[in-house]
Amino acid sequence: MDVIEEHKVPGLKEPTRLYDYANGVFQALPSRKSLKKAISKGLVLVDNAKGISGQFLKGGEVLQLLQEEVKTKTVSLD
């Protein structure tokens, strides 16, 4: 899968959950609902590992948004 957006978390005053922090970080995810779906599908990585919505960020992590694979149907022309 290709990385379509990347964000480095600046130093944070206190640990913040991924779901709360990443809202509005990625342009491709305009809503909290789209962020939640992307996290649940494994499209949001934290330091190259699948992110979990309740995971706490401390600062310095690299967040990546992956391109969702498009599943195509094959049609038989027999």
PDB file of N, CA and C in Angstrom:
ATOM      1  N   MET A   1       0.843  -1.184   0.000  1.00  0.00           N
ATOM      2  CA  MET A   1       0.000   0.000   0.000  1.00  0.00           C
ATOM      3  C   MET A   1       0.886   1.243   0.000  1.00  0.00           C
ATOM      4  N   ASP A   2       0.420   2.265  -0.658  1.00  0.00           N
ATOM      5  CA  ASP A   2       1.172   3.505  -0.771  1.00  0.00           C
ATOM      6  C   ASP A   2       0.784   4.484   0.331  1.00  0.00           C
ATOM      7  N   VAL A   3       1.770   5.238   0.806  1.00  0.00           N
ATOM      8  CA  VAL A   3       1.528   6.296   1.778  1.00  0.00           C
ATOM      9  C   VAL A   3       1.045   7.520   1.012  1.00  0.00           C
ATOM     10  N   ILE A   4      -0.127   8.052   1.386  1.00  0.00           N
ATOM     11  CA  ILE A   4      -0.641   9.226   0.679  1.00  0.00           C
ATOM     12  C   ILE A   4      -0.451  10.508   1.479  1.00  0.00           C
ATOM     13  N   GLU A   5      -0.316  10.391   2.809  1.00  0.00           N
ATOM     14  CA  GLU A   5      -0.037  11.557   3.645  1.00  0.00           C
ATOM     15  C   GLU A   5       0.822  11.124   4.825  1.00  0.00           C
ATOM     16  N   GLU A   6       1.636  12.047   5.313  1.00  0.00           N
ATOM     17  CA  GLU A   6       2.501  11.770   6.460  1.00  0.00           C
ATOM     18  C   GLU A   6       2.513  12.993   7.360  1.00  0.00           C
ATOM     19  N   HIS A   7       2.603  12.759   8.659  1.00  0.00           N
ATOM     20  CA  HIS A   7       2.587  13.844   9.636  1.00  0.00           C
ATOM     21  C   HIS A   7       3.477  13.467  10.805  1.00  0.00           C
ATOM     22  N   LYS A   8       4.352  14.384  11.217  1.00  0.00           N
ATOM     23  CA  LYS A   8       5.171  14.145  12.401  1.00  0.00           C
ATOM     24  C   LYS A   8       4.523  14.869  13.578  1.00  0.00           C
ATOM     25  N   VAL A   9       4.278  14.122  14.637  1.00  0.00           N
ATOM     26  CA  VAL A   9       3.631  14.670  15.828  1.00  0.00           C
ATOM     27  C   VAL A   9       4.649  15.542  16.570  1.00  0.00           C
ATOM     28  N   PRO A  10       4.308  16.806  16.814  1.00  0.00           N
ATOM     29  CA  PRO A  10       5.227  17.659  17.572  1.00  0.00           C
ATOM     30  C   PRO A  10       5.230  17.242  19.043  1.00  0.00           C
ATOM     31  N   GLY A  11       6.111  17.799  19.826  1.00  0.00           N
ATOM     32  CA  GLY A  11       6.113  17.509  21.261  1.00  0.00           C
ATOM     33  C   GLY A  11       4.761  17.878  21.865  1.00  0.00           C
ATOM     34  N   LEU A  12       4.200  17.005  22.644  1.00  0.00           N
ATOM     35  CA  LEU A  12       2.892  17.241  23.272  1.00  0.00           C
ATOM     36  C   LEU A  12       3.073  17.479  24.762  1.00  0.00           C
ATOM     37  N   LYS A  13       2.254  18.368  25.332  1.00  0.00           N
ATOM     38  CA  LYS A  13       2.333  18.650  26.769  1.00  0.00           C
ATOM     39  C   LYS A  13       1.872  17.462  27.596  1.00  0.00           C
ATOM     40  N   GLU A  14       0.906  16.731  27.048  1.00  0.00           N
ATOM     41  CA  GLU A  14       0.423  15.527  27.733  1.00  0.00           C
ATOM     42  C   GLU A  14       0.053  14.484  26.689  1.00  0.00           C
ATOM     43  N   PRO A  15       0.157  13.202  27.019  1.00  0.00           N
ATOM     44  CA  PRO A  15      -0.196  12.147  26.061  1.00  0.00           C
ATOM     45  C   PRO A  15      -1.634  12.316  25.556  1.00  0.00           C
ATOM     46  N   THR A  16      -1.818  12.095  24.269  1.00  0.00           N
ATOM     47  CA  THR A  16      -3.122  12.273  23.632  1.00  0.00           C
ATOM     48  C   THR A  16      -3.433  11.042  22.790  1.00  0.00           C
ATOM     49  N   ARG A  17      -4.678  10.594  22.872  1.00  0.00           N
ATOM     50  CA  ARG A  17      -5.093   9.424  22.092  1.00  0.00           C
ATOM     51  C   ARG A  17      -4.986   9.710  20.591  1.00  0.00           C
ATOM     52  N   LEU A  18      -4.606   8.714  19.826  1.00  0.00           N
ATOM     53  CA  LEU A  18      -4.490   8.835  18.380  1.00  0.00           C
ATOM     54  C   LEU A  18      -5.776   9.376  17.771  1.00  0.00           C
ATOM     55  N   TYR A  19      -6.905   8.823  18.160  1.00  0.00           N
ATOM     56  CA  TYR A  19      -8.194   9.231  17.601  1.00  0.00           C
ATOM     57  C   TYR A  19      -8.459  10.713  17.837  1.00  0.00           C
ATOM     58  N   ASP A  20      -8.100  11.215  19.020  1.00  0.00           N
ATOM     59  CA  ASP A  20      -8.323  12.623  19.337  1.00  0.00           C
ATOM     60  C   ASP A  20      -7.309  13.519  18.627  1.00  0.00           C
ATOM     61  N   TYR A  21      -6.070  13.091  18.575  1.00  0.00           N
ATOM     62  CA  TYR A  21      -5.024  13.913  17.968  1.00  0.00           C
ATOM     63  C   TYR A  21      -5.164  13.990  16.446  1.00  0.00           C
ATOM     64  N   ALA A  22      -5.416  12.863  15.797  1.00  0.00           N
ATOM     65  CA  ALA A  22      -5.377  12.794  14.333  1.00  0.00           C
ATOM     66  C   ALA A  22      -6.586  13.427  13.650  1.00  0.00           C
ATOM     67  N   ASN A  23      -7.598  13.788  14.400  1.00  0.00           N
ATOM     68  CA  ASN A  23      -8.759  14.439  13.800  1.00  0.00           C
ATOM     69  C   ASN A  23      -8.321  15.765  13.171  1.00  0.00           C
ATOM     70  N   GLY A  24      -8.465  15.874  11.863  1.00  0.00           N
ATOM     71  CA  GLY A  24      -8.099  17.094  11.155  1.00  0.00           C
ATOM     72  C   GLY A  24      -6.661  17.141  10.665  1.00  0.00           C
ATOM     73  N   VAL A  25      -5.862  16.115  10.982  1.00  0.00           N
ATOM     74  CA  VAL A  25      -4.461  16.085  10.564  1.00  0.00           C
ATOM     75  C   VAL A  25      -4.327  15.731   9.082  1.00  0.00           C
ATOM     76  N   PHE A  26      -5.117  14.777   8.623  1.00  0.00           N
ATOM     77  CA  PHE A  26      -5.022  14.316   7.242  1.00  0.00           C
ATOM     78  C   PHE A  26      -6.117  14.950   6.385  1.00  0.00           C
ATOM     79  N   GLN A  27      -5.729  15.570   5.288  1.00  0.00           N
ATOM     80  CA  GLN A  27      -6.698  16.205   4.391  1.00  0.00           C
ATOM     81  C   GLN A  27      -7.647  15.187   3.767  1.00  0.00           C
ATOM     82  N   ALA A  28      -7.166  13.970   3.553  1.00  0.00           N
ATOM     83  CA  ALA A  28      -7.991  12.932   2.931  1.00  0.00           C
ATOM     84  C   ALA A  28      -9.065  12.391   3.877  1.00  0.00           C
ATOM     85  N   LEU A  29      -8.990  12.759   5.159  1.00  0.00           N
ATOM     86  CA  LEU A  29      -9.968  12.298   6.149  1.00  0.00           C
ATOM     87  C   LEU A  29     -10.668  13.517   6.750  1.00  0.00           C
ATOM     88  N   PRO A  30     -11.716  14.013   6.094  1.00  0.00           N
ATOM     89  CA  PRO A  30     -12.343  15.268   6.510  1.00  0.00           C
ATOM     90  C   PRO A  30     -13.222  15.204   7.765  1.00  0.00           C
ATOM     91  N   SER A  31     -13.522  14.002   8.242  1.00  0.00           N
ATOM     92  CA  SER A  31     -14.420  13.891   9.400  1.00  0.00           C
ATOM     93  C   SER A  31     -13.897  12.873  10.404  1.00  0.00           C
ATOM     94  N   ARG A  32     -14.448  12.941  11.611  1.00  0.00           N
ATOM     95  CA  ARG A  32     -14.066  11.975  12.649  1.00  0.00           C
ATOM     96  C   ARG A  32     -14.470  10.560  12.228  1.00  0.00           C
ATOM     97  N   LYS A  33     -15.601  10.457  11.545  1.00  0.00           N
ATOM     98  CA  LYS A  33     -16.082   9.150  11.086  1.00  0.00           C
ATOM     99  C   LYS A  33     -15.105   8.540  10.076  1.00  0.00           C
ATOM    100  N   SER A  34     -14.606   9.356   9.145  1.00  0.00           N
ATOM    101  CA  SER A  34     -13.660   8.834   8.151  1.00  0.00           C
ATOM    102  C   SER A  34     -12.341   8.442   8.816  1.00  0.00           C
ATOM    103  N   LEU A  35     -11.929   9.189   9.841  1.00  0.00           N
ATOM    104  CA  LEU A  35     -10.721   8.841  10.590  1.00  0.00           C
ATOM    105  C   LEU A  35     -10.918   7.509  11.306  1.00  0.00           C
ATOM    106  N   LYS A  36     -12.060   7.342  11.947  1.00  0.00           N
ATOM    107  CA  LYS A  36     -12.349   6.104  12.675  1.00  0.00           C
ATOM    108  C   LYS A  36     -12.322   4.899  11.728  1.00  0.00           C
ATOM    109  N   LYS A  37     -12.919   5.047  10.548  1.00  0.00           N
ATOM    110  CA  LYS A  37     -12.922   3.957   9.564  1.00  0.00           C
ATOM    111  C   LYS A  37     -11.504   3.631   9.110  1.00  0.00           C
ATOM    112  N   ALA A  38     -10.709   4.675   8.841  1.00  0.00           N
ATOM    113  CA  ALA A  38      -9.332   4.461   8.375  1.00  0.00           C
ATOM    114  C   ALA A  38      -8.510   3.735   9.437  1.00  0.00           C
ATOM    115  N   ILE A  39      -8.667   4.115  10.701  1.00  0.00           N
ATOM    116  CA  ILE A  39      -7.935   3.445  11.783  1.00  0.00           C
ATOM    117  C   ILE A  39      -8.371   1.983  11.877  1.00  0.00           C
ATOM    118  N   SER A  40      -9.670   1.743  11.827  1.00  0.00           N
ATOM    119  CA  SER A  40     -10.167   0.364  11.962  1.00  0.00           C
ATOM    120  C   SER A  40      -9.751  -0.513  10.783  1.00  0.00           C
ATOM    121  N   LYS A  41      -9.544   0.080   9.614  1.00  0.00           N
ATOM    122  CA  LYS A  41      -9.101  -0.676   8.439  1.00  0.00           C
ATOM    123  C   LYS A  41      -7.581  -0.842   8.396  1.00  0.00           C
ATOM    124  N   GLY A  42      -6.883  -0.267   9.373  1.00  0.00           N
ATOM    125  CA  GLY A  42      -5.430  -0.390   9.413  1.00  0.00           C
ATOM    126  C   GLY A  42      -4.712   0.541   8.453  1.00  0.00           C
ATOM    127  N   LEU A  43      -5.371   1.624   8.057  1.00  0.00           N
ATOM    128  CA  LEU A  43      -4.787   2.559   7.102  1.00  0.00           C
ATOM    129  C   LEU A  43      -3.993   3.678   7.762  1.00  0.00           C
ATOM    130  N   VAL A  44      -4.045   3.767   9.091  1.00  0.00           N
ATOM    131  CA  VAL A  44      -3.266   4.779   9.805  1.00  0.00           C
ATOM    132  C   VAL A  44      -2.146   4.065  10.555  1.00  0.00           C
ATOM    133  N   LEU A  45      -0.919   4.426  10.218  1.00  0.00           N
ATOM    134  CA  LEU A  45       0.247   3.835  10.870  1.00  0.00           C
ATOM    135  C   LEU A  45       0.868   4.830  11.833  1.00  0.00           C
ATOM    136  N   VAL A  46       1.370   4.304  12.951  1.00  0.00           N
ATOM    137  CA  VAL A  46       2.127   5.098  13.916  1.00  0.00           C
ATOM    138  C   VAL A  46       3.512   4.466  13.974  1.00  0.00           C
ATOM    139  N   ASP A  47       4.507   5.218  13.531  1.00  0.00           N
ATOM    140  CA  ASP A  47       5.882   4.690  13.466  1.00  0.00           C
ATOM    141  C   ASP A  47       5.929   3.337  12.760  1.00  0.00           C
ATOM    142  N   ASN A  48       5.285   3.269  11.606  1.00  0.00           N
ATOM    143  CA  ASN A  48       5.270   2.078  10.730  1.00  0.00           C
ATOM    144  C   ASN A  48       4.533   0.869  11.303  1.00  0.00           C
ATOM    145  N   ALA A  49       3.705   1.076  12.311  1.00  0.00           N
ATOM    146  CA  ALA A  49       2.892  -0.012  12.863  1.00  0.00           C
ATOM    147  C   ALA A  49       1.423   0.424  12.845  1.00  0.00           C
ATOM    148  N   LYS A  50       0.535  -0.537  12.691  1.00  0.00           N
ATOM    149  CA  LYS A  50      -0.904  -0.250  12.651  1.00  0.00           C
ATOM    150  C   LYS A  50      -1.329   0.504  13.908  1.00  0.00           C
ATOM    151  N   GLY A  51      -1.957   1.668  13.718  1.00  0.00           N
ATOM    152  CA  GLY A  51      -2.415   2.473  14.844  1.00  0.00           C
ATOM    153  C   GLY A  51      -3.713   1.956  15.424  1.00  0.00           C
ATOM    154  N   ILE A  52      -3.900   2.200  16.709  1.00  0.00           N
ATOM    155  CA  ILE A  52      -5.122   1.830  17.423  1.00  0.00           C
ATOM    156  C   ILE A  52      -5.703   3.121  17.981  1.00  0.00           C
ATOM    157  N   SER A  53      -7.014   3.315  17.852  1.00  0.00           N
ATOM    158  CA  SER A  53      -7.626   4.597  18.216  1.00  0.00           C
ATOM    159  C   SER A  53      -7.314   5.033  19.648  1.00  0.00           C
ATOM    160  N   GLY A  54      -7.205   4.089  20.579  1.00  0.00           N
ATOM    161  CA  GLY A  54      -6.942   4.423  21.972  1.00  0.00           C
ATOM    162  C   GLY A  54      -5.463   4.538  22.318  1.00  0.00           C
ATOM    163  N   GLN A  55      -4.611   4.362  21.319  1.00  0.00           N
ATOM    164  CA  GLN A  55      -3.156   4.436  21.529  1.00  0.00           C
ATOM    165  C   GLN A  55      -2.768   5.875  21.878  1.00  0.00           C
ATOM    166  N   PHE A  56      -1.915   6.033  22.894  1.00  0.00           N
ATOM    167  CA  PHE A  56      -1.494   7.370  23.310  1.00  0.00           C
ATOM    168  C   PHE A  56      -0.238   7.802  22.568  1.00  0.00           C
ATOM    169  N   LEU A  57      -0.266   9.045  22.081  1.00  0.00           N
ATOM    170  CA  LEU A  57       0.875   9.657  21.417  1.00  0.00           C
ATOM    171  C   LEU A  57       1.545  10.597  22.414  1.00  0.00           C
ATOM    172  N   LYS A  58       2.860  10.619  22.413  1.00  0.00           N
ATOM    173  CA  LYS A  58       3.607  11.466  23.345  1.00  0.00           C
ATOM    174  C   LYS A  58       4.323  12.607  22.635  1.00  0.00           C
ATOM    175  N   GLY A  59       4.492  12.460  21.316  1.00  0.00           N
ATOM    176  CA  GLY A  59       5.219  13.446  20.523  1.00  0.00           C
ATOM    177  C   GLY A  59       6.416  12.774  19.875  1.00  0.00           C
ATOM    178  N   GLY A  60       6.709  13.183  18.651  1.00  0.00           N
ATOM    179  CA  GLY A  60       7.830  12.605  17.920  1.00  0.00           C
ATOM    180  C   GLY A  60       7.451  11.443  17.022  1.00  0.00           C
ATOM    181  N   GLU A  61       6.251  10.922  17.167  1.00  0.00           N
ATOM    182  CA  GLU A  61       5.811   9.810  16.319  1.00  0.00           C
ATOM    183  C   GLU A  61       5.555  10.313  14.890  1.00  0.00           C
ATOM    184  N   VAL A  62       5.675   9.403  13.948  1.00  0.00           N
ATOM    185  CA  VAL A  62       5.340   9.712  12.560  1.00  0.00           C
ATOM    186  C   VAL A  62       4.047   8.970  12.226  1.00  0.00           C
ATOM    187  N   LEU A  63       3.034   9.736  11.822  1.00  0.00           N
ATOM    188  CA  LEU A  63       1.755   9.159  11.418  1.00  0.00           C
ATOM    189  C   LEU A  63       1.726   9.100   9.904  1.00  0.00           C
ATOM    190  N   GLN A  64       1.248   7.976   9.383  1.00  0.00           N
ATOM    191  CA  GLN A  64       1.129   7.816   7.940  1.00  0.00           C
ATOM    192  C   GLN A  64      -0.271   7.336   7.605  1.00  0.00           C
ATOM    193  N   LEU A  65      -0.808   7.885   6.531  1.00  0.00           N
ATOM    194  CA  LEU A  65      -2.101   7.453   6.013  1.00  0.00           C
ATOM    195  C   LEU A  65      -1.841   6.688   4.732  1.00  0.00           C
ATOM    196  N   LEU A  66      -2.330   5.456   4.683  1.00  0.00           N
ATOM    197  CA  LEU A  66      -2.132   4.604   3.515  1.00  0.00           C
ATOM    198  C   LEU A  66      -3.311   4.713   2.558  1.00  0.00           C
ATOM    199  N   GLN A  67      -3.014   4.521   1.279  1.00  0.00           N
ATOM    200  CA  GLN A  67      -4.049   4.479   0.247  1.00  0.00           C
ATOM    201  C   GLN A  67      -4.808   3.166   0.397  1.00  0.00           C
ATOM    202  N   GLU A  68      -6.115   3.239   0.446  1.00  0.00           N
ATOM    203  CA  GLU A  68      -6.919   2.020   0.538  1.00  0.00           C
ATOM    204  C   GLU A  68      -6.880   1.290  -0.796  1.00  0.00           C
ATOM    205  N   GLU A  69      -6.697  -0.011  -0.736  1.00  0.00           N
ATOM    206  CA  GLU A  69      -6.684  -0.806  -1.962  1.00  0.00           C
ATOM    207  C   GLU A  69      -8.091  -0.887  -2.521  1.00  0.00           C
ATOM    208  N   VAL A  70      -8.193  -0.642  -3.802  1.00  0.00           N
ATOM    209  CA  VAL A  70      -9.487  -0.735  -4.467  1.00  0.00           C
ATOM    210  C   VAL A  70      -9.650  -2.153  -4.980  1.00  0.00           C
ATOM    211  N   LYS A  71     -10.706  -2.785  -4.536  1.00  0.00           N
ATOM    212  CA  LYS A  71     -10.972  -4.153  -4.978  1.00  0.00           C
ATOM    213  C   LYS A  71     -11.785  -4.093  -6.260  1.00  0.00           C
ATOM    214  N   THR A  72     -11.277  -4.754  -7.253  1.00  0.00           N
ATOM    215  CA  THR A  72     -11.993  -4.770  -8.530  1.00  0.00           C
ATOM    216  C   THR A  72     -12.617  -6.140  -8.753  1.00  0.00           C
ATOM    217  N   LYS A  73     -13.756  -6.117  -9.353  1.00  0.00           N
ATOM    218  CA  LYS A  73     -14.430  -7.372  -9.682  1.00  0.00           C
ATOM    219  C   LYS A  73     -14.032  -7.766 -11.097  1.00  0.00           C
ATOM    220  N   THR A  74     -13.785  -9.045 -11.260  1.00  0.00           N
ATOM    221  CA  THR A  74     -13.510  -9.520 -12.609  1.00  0.00           C
ATOM    222  C   THR A  74     -14.810 -10.053 -13.188  1.00  0.00           C
ATOM    223  N   VAL A  75     -15.068  -9.654 -14.404  1.00  0.00           N
ATOM    224  CA  VAL A  75     -16.302 -10.056 -15.070  1.00  0.00           C
ATOM    225  C   VAL A  75     -15.932 -11.004 -16.204  1.00  0.00           C
ATOM    226  N   SER A  76     -16.555 -12.130 -16.199  1.00  0.00           N
ATOM    227  CA  SER A  76     -16.322 -13.099 -17.258  1.00  0.00           C
ATOM    228  C   SER A  76     -17.214 -12.769 -18.440  1.00  0.00           C
ATOM    229  N   LEU A  77     -16.637 -12.732 -19.599  1.00  0.00           N
ATOM    230  CA  LEU A  77     -17.409 -12.434 -20.808  1.00  0.00           C
ATOM    231  C   LEU A  77     -17.709 -13.701 -21.599  1.00  0.00           C
ATOM    232  N   ASP A  78     -17.766 -14.835 -20.931  1.00  0.00           N
ATOM    233  CA  ASP A  78     -18.034 -16.101 -21.608  1.00  0.00           C
ATOM    234  C   ASP A  78     -19.477 -16.190 -22.048  1.00  0.00           C
TER     235      ASP A  78
END
